[in-house]
Amino acid sequence: MRHVFLVLLITSPALADPTLECADASSQVEIGSCVGETEERVNQAMEASYGLAIRAAKELDDVTGRVEAQPALEASQSAWAGYRDAQCDAVGASYGGGSGTGIAITSCRIDLGRARVDELLRFAN
């Protein structure tokens, strides 16, 4: 239950712009560090929610006697990771190599990661 609370806290809609969550940061270095720490927390929430979703998919496969839900979820997660990486690389490319590129890429990964946590929790329920 603790993981679910943590996951819900990390995915709060109030946390819409990762850079705005770093209001105490006064330089790009500090903002970069702050969004990096946020990305780590989002990744932890994603691992927890993916674990819950995989367990639910396995239970469904066990109950139905089929082996479809778990492999489908695994394929979905793999495809999503590829999309996230390509999308955030495109966001970074739109900065033309400027100093905010890394922050933009990390913020993109946070936004997409939070959305994925929500999707995984729907699978888990």
Protein backbone atom coordinates (compact mmCIF):
# COMPACT_ATOMS: atom_id res chain seq x y z
CA MET A 1 0.00 0.00 0.00
CA ARG A 2 2.91 2.35 0.72
CA HIS A 3 4.06 2.01 -2.89
CA VAL A 4 0.66 2.99 -4.19
CA PHE A 5 0.67 6.16 -2.06
CA LEU A 6 4.17 7.02 -3.26
CA VAL A 7 3.17 6.40 -6.85
CA LEU A 8 0.09 8.62 -6.48
CA LEU A 9 2.15 11.37 -4.91
CA ILE A 10 4.74 11.27 -7.70
CA THR A 11 2.05 11.45 -10.40
CA SER A 12 0.03 14.34 -8.96
CA PRO A 13 -1.41 16.62 -11.67
CA ALA A 14 -0.21 19.59 -9.61
CA LEU A 15 3.29 18.61 -10.68
CA ALA A 16 2.72 19.54 -14.31
CA ASP A 17 6.03 21.24 -15.19
CA PRO A 18 9.11 19.61 -13.70
CA THR A 19 11.16 22.79 -13.94
CA LEU A 20 8.57 24.72 -11.92
CA GLU A 21 8.99 22.17 -9.15
CA CYS A 22 12.57 23.41 -8.85
CA ALA A 23 11.58 26.93 -7.79
CA ASP A 24 14.37 27.07 -5.21
CA ALA A 25 17.01 26.47 -7.89
CA SER A 26 18.74 29.63 -9.08
CA SER A 27 20.91 28.32 -11.91
CA GLN A 28 20.66 25.87 -14.77
CA VAL A 29 23.05 23.56 -12.94
CA GLU A 30 20.76 23.51 -9.90
CA ILE A 31 17.64 23.07 -12.07
CA GLY A 32 19.37 20.24 -13.92
CA SER A 33 20.22 18.55 -10.64
CA CYS A 34 16.69 19.04 -9.33
CA VAL A 35 14.98 17.60 -12.42
CA GLY A 36 17.50 14.74 -12.39
CA GLU A 37 16.44 13.87 -8.84
CA THR A 38 12.78 14.12 -9.85
CA GLU A 39 13.40 11.76 -12.77
CA GLU A 40 14.93 9.23 -10.36
CA ARG A 41 11.80 9.37 -8.17
CA VAL A 42 9.56 8.98 -11.22
CA ASN A 43 11.63 5.98 -12.36
CA GLN A 44 11.22 4.41 -8.91
CA ALA A 45 7.47 4.99 -9.07
CA MET A 46 7.41 3.45 -12.54
CA GLU A 47 9.28 0.36 -11.36
CA ALA A 48 6.82 -0.05 -8.49
CA SER A 49 3.76 0.44 -10.68
CA TYR A 50 5.17 -1.85 -13.38
CA GLY A 51 5.69 -4.53 -10.74
CA LEU A 52 2.07 -4.18 -9.64
CA ALA A 53 0.86 -4.30 -13.24
CA ILE A 54 2.96 -7.38 -14.07
CA ARG A 55 1.62 -9.19 -11.00
CA ALA A 56 -1.94 -8.34 -12.04
CA ALA A 57 -1.28 -9.51 -15.61
CA LYS A 58 0.23 -12.77 -14.36
CA GLU A 59 -2.75 -13.33 -12.08
CA LEU A 60 -5.09 -12.76 -15.02
CA ASP A 61 -3.12 -15.22 -17.14
CA ASP A 62 -3.23 -17.77 -14.31
CA VAL A 63 -6.99 -17.37 -13.83
CA THR A 64 -7.81 -17.56 -17.54
CA GLY A 65 -5.29 -20.30 -18.32
CA ARG A 66 -3.88 -18.17 -21.12
CA VAL A 67 -0.51 -16.54 -21.50
CA GLU A 68 -1.42 -13.22 -23.08
CA ALA A 69 -1.69 -10.41 -20.56
CA GLN A 70 1.84 -10.56 -19.17
CA PRO A 71 3.63 -10.79 -22.55
CA ALA A 72 1.40 -8.02 -23.91
CA LEU A 73 2.26 -5.75 -20.99
CA GLU A 74 5.97 -6.52 -21.36
CA ALA A 75 5.80 -5.66 -25.07
CA SER A 76 3.88 -2.50 -24.27
CA GLN A 77 6.48 -1.38 -21.73
CA SER A 78 9.30 -2.01 -24.18
CA ALA A 79 7.53 -0.09 -26.96
CA TRP A 80 6.72 2.75 -24.57
CA ALA A 81 10.39 3.05 -23.53
CA GLY A 82 11.37 3.33 -27.20
CA TYR A 83 8.73 6.01 -27.77
CA ARG A 84 9.83 7.95 -24.66
CA ASP A 85 13.45 7.94 -25.77
CA ALA A 86 12.64 9.01 -29.36
CA GLN A 87 10.15 11.68 -28.27
CA CYS A 88 12.47 13.20 -25.69
CA ASP A 89 15.38 13.14 -28.14
CA ALA A 90 13.15 15.11 -30.54
CA VAL A 91 12.35 17.59 -27.78
CA GLY A 92 16.05 17.96 -27.08
CA ALA A 93 16.82 18.45 -30.78
CA SER A 94 14.32 21.30 -30.88
CA TYR A 95 16.63 23.24 -28.53
CA GLY A 96 19.32 23.38 -31.22
CA GLY A 97 22.08 22.36 -28.82
CA GLY A 98 21.36 25.23 -26.44
CA SER A 99 22.13 25.17 -22.74
CA GLY A 100 18.59 24.09 -21.78
CA THR A 101 18.70 20.92 -23.88
CA GLY A 102 19.46 18.50 -21.04
CA ILE A 103 16.82 20.01 -18.77
CA ALA A 104 14.25 19.80 -21.57
CA ILE A 105 15.05 16.14 -22.24
CA THR A 106 14.87 15.25 -18.55
CA SER A 107 11.61 17.18 -18.12
CA CYS A 108 10.15 15.32 -21.08
CA ARG A 109 11.16 11.99 -19.53
CA ILE A 110 9.52 13.04 -16.26
CA ASP A 111 6.27 14.06 -17.96
CA LEU A 112 6.04 10.88 -20.01
CA GLY A 113 7.10 8.75 -17.04
CA ARG A 114 4.36 10.18 -14.86
CA ALA A 115 1.79 9.46 -17.55
CA ARG A 116 3.10 5.89 -17.87
CA VAL A 117 2.81 5.36 -14.11
CA ASP A 118 -0.87 6.29 -14.39
CA GLU A 119 -1.34 3.82 -17.26
CA LEU A 120 0.44 1.04 -15.38
CA LEU A 121 -1.71 1.61 -12.30
CA ARG A 122 -4.82 1.18 -14.47
CA PHE A 123 -3.42 -2.21 -15.55
CA ALA A 124 -2.80 -3.11 -11.91
CA ASN A 125 -6.38 -2.44 -10.85
